Amino acid sequence: MKRNFNIHDLRIFYTVVMTGSTRQAAQAMHLTQPAVSHAISRLEAATGVLLFDRSHKTLRPTEAGQYLYSCLLYTSDAADE
């Protein structure tokens, strides 16, 4: 069953990619670490793919995660114009 996500979840995802950890993203966004982890889980459930490689100390985006991140960058750049 796919769960919905929202724009806030995408902002959290972006921050996790930028910081490399859910803990640092939580601090930067004034959230709890579990709230950040749940947002990532919602995105992964909605897309049906893993967005992060969790086998390293820092979270690294998978190919799908990198694609989503690049889409967010493109969207952000287009919104700034």
C-alpha atoms as a PDB file:
ATOM      1  CA  MET A   1       0.000   0.000   0.000  1.00  0.00           C
ATOM      2  CA  LYS A   2       1.466   3.315  -1.043  1.00  0.00           C
ATOM      3  CA  ARG A   3       1.382   6.204   1.384  1.00  0.00           C
ATOM      4  CA  ASN A   4       1.115   9.849   0.428  1.00  0.00           C
ATOM      5  CA  PHE A   5       3.864  12.362   0.950  1.00  0.00           C
ATOM      6  CA  ASN A   6       3.916  16.150   0.902  1.00  0.00           C
ATOM      7  CA  ILE A   7       6.203  19.049   0.021  1.00  0.00           C
ATOM      8  CA  HIS A   8       7.596  19.064   3.568  1.00  0.00           C
ATOM      9  CA  ASP A   9       8.786  15.459   3.070  1.00  0.00           C
ATOM     10  CA  LEU A  10      10.605  16.577  -0.080  1.00  0.00           C
ATOM     11  CA  ARG A  11      12.284  19.411   1.834  1.00  0.00           C
ATOM     12  CA  ILE A  12      13.376  16.903   4.462  1.00  0.00           C
ATOM     13  CA  PHE A  13      14.742  14.582   1.770  1.00  0.00           C
ATOM     14  CA  TYR A  14      16.685  17.480   0.237  1.00  0.00           C
ATOM     15  CA  THR A  15      18.170  18.384   3.629  1.00  0.00           C
ATOM     16  CA  VAL A  16      19.172  14.780   4.350  1.00  0.00           C
ATOM     17  CA  VAL A  17      21.003  14.636   1.010  1.00  0.00           C
ATOM     18  CA  MET A  18      22.736  17.935   1.749  1.00  0.00           C
ATOM     19  CA  THR A  19      23.803  16.958   5.288  1.00  0.00           C
ATOM     20  CA  GLY A  20      24.367  13.230   4.775  1.00  0.00           C
ATOM     21  CA  SER A  21      22.480  12.228   7.917  1.00  0.00           C
ATOM     22  CA  THR A  22      19.017  12.202   9.402  1.00  0.00           C
ATOM     23  CA  ARG A  23      20.380  13.554  12.691  1.00  0.00           C
ATOM     24  CA  GLN A  24      21.975  16.605  11.091  1.00  0.00           C
ATOM     25  CA  ALA A  25      18.925  17.194   8.896  1.00  0.00           C
ATOM     26  CA  ALA A  26      16.706  17.040  11.985  1.00  0.00           C
ATOM     27  CA  GLN A  27      18.879  19.614  13.749  1.00  0.00           C
ATOM     28  CA  ALA A  28      18.907  21.908  10.714  1.00  0.00           C
ATOM     29  CA  MET A  29      15.122  21.730  10.349  1.00  0.00           C
ATOM     30  CA  HIS A  30      14.303  21.798  14.084  1.00  0.00           C
ATOM     31  CA  LEU A  31      12.692  18.363  13.929  1.00  0.00           C
ATOM     32  CA  THR A  32      13.251  15.098  15.745  1.00  0.00           C
ATOM     33  CA  GLN A  33      15.327  12.400  14.076  1.00  0.00           C
ATOM     34  CA  PRO A  34      12.350   9.968  14.027  1.00  0.00           C
ATOM     35  CA  ALA A  35      10.241  12.603  12.208  1.00  0.00           C
ATOM     36  CA  VAL A  36      12.937  12.855   9.529  1.00  0.00           C
ATOM     37  CA  SER A  37      13.182   9.063   9.229  1.00  0.00           C
ATOM     38  CA  HIS A  38       9.393   8.779   8.875  1.00  0.00           C
ATOM     39  CA  ALA A  39       9.373  11.398   6.113  1.00  0.00           C
ATOM     40  CA  ILE A  40      12.002   9.429   4.186  1.00  0.00           C
ATOM     41  CA  SER A  41      10.003   6.237   4.737  1.00  0.00           C
ATOM     42  CA  ARG A  42       6.860   7.926   3.352  1.00  0.00           C
ATOM     43  CA  LEU A  43       8.758   8.982   0.227  1.00  0.00           C
ATOM     44  CA  GLU A  44      10.204   5.495  -0.239  1.00  0.00           C
ATOM     45  CA  ALA A  45       6.782   3.888   0.250  1.00  0.00           C
ATOM     46  CA  ALA A  46       5.152   6.298  -2.204  1.00  0.00           C
ATOM     47  CA  THR A  47       7.810   5.844  -4.874  1.00  0.00           C
ATOM     48  CA  GLY A  48       8.408   2.145  -4.293  1.00  0.00           C
ATOM     49  CA  VAL A  49      12.195   2.565  -4.352  1.00  0.00           C
ATOM     50  CA  LEU A  50      14.982   3.016  -1.826  1.00  0.00           C
ATOM     51  CA  LEU A  51      16.236   6.590  -1.900  1.00  0.00           C
ATOM     52  CA  PHE A  52      19.318   6.087   0.288  1.00  0.00           C
ATOM     53  CA  ASP A  53      22.104   3.553   0.576  1.00  0.00           C
ATOM     54  CA  ARG A  54      22.219   2.896   4.297  1.00  0.00           C
ATOM     55  CA  SER A  55      25.336   0.707   4.260  1.00  0.00           C
ATOM     56  CA  HIS A  56      27.699   3.611   5.019  1.00  0.00           C
ATOM     57  CA  LYS A  57      28.054   5.877   8.027  1.00  0.00           C
ATOM     58  CA  THR A  58      26.683   8.783   6.007  1.00  0.00           C
ATOM     59  CA  LEU A  59      23.528   8.324   3.978  1.00  0.00           C
ATOM     60  CA  ARG A  60      24.217   8.357   0.271  1.00  0.00           C
ATOM     61  CA  PRO A  61      21.426   8.703  -2.266  1.00  0.00           C
ATOM     62  CA  THR A  62      20.807   5.708  -4.495  1.00  0.00           C
ATOM     63  CA  GLU A  63      20.458   6.263  -8.239  1.00  0.00           C
ATOM     64  CA  ALA A  64      16.732   6.900  -7.685  1.00  0.00           C
ATOM     65  CA  GLY A  65      17.527   9.234  -4.794  1.00  0.00           C
ATOM     66  CA  GLN A  66      20.021  11.146  -6.912  1.00  0.00           C
ATOM     67  CA  TYR A  67      17.408  11.483  -9.656  1.00  0.00           C
ATOM     68  CA  LEU A  68      14.829  12.839  -7.191  1.00  0.00           C
ATOM     69  CA  TYR A  69      17.419  15.245  -5.783  1.00  0.00           C
ATOM     70  CA  SER A  70      18.288  16.533  -9.272  1.00  0.00           C
ATOM     71  CA  CYS A  71      14.571  17.044  -9.984  1.00  0.00           C
ATOM     72  CA  LEU A  72      14.244  19.045  -6.785  1.00  0.00           C
ATOM     73  CA  LEU A  73      17.245  21.181  -7.752  1.00  0.00           C
ATOM     74  CA  TYR A  74      15.775  21.779 -11.211  1.00  0.00           C
ATOM     75  CA  THR A  75      12.392  22.692  -9.730  1.00  0.00           C
ATOM     76  CA  SER A  76      14.012  25.019  -7.212  1.00  0.00           C
ATOM     77  CA  ASP A  77      16.070  26.732  -9.920  1.00  0.00           C
ATOM     78  CA  ALA A  78      12.984  27.146 -12.126  1.00  0.00           C
ATOM     79  CA  ALA A  79      11.004  28.627  -9.236  1.00  0.00           C
ATOM     80  CA  ASP A  80      13.768  31.164  -8.601  1.00  0.00           C
ATOM     81  CA  GLU A  81      13.552  32.504 -12.145  1.00  0.00           C
END
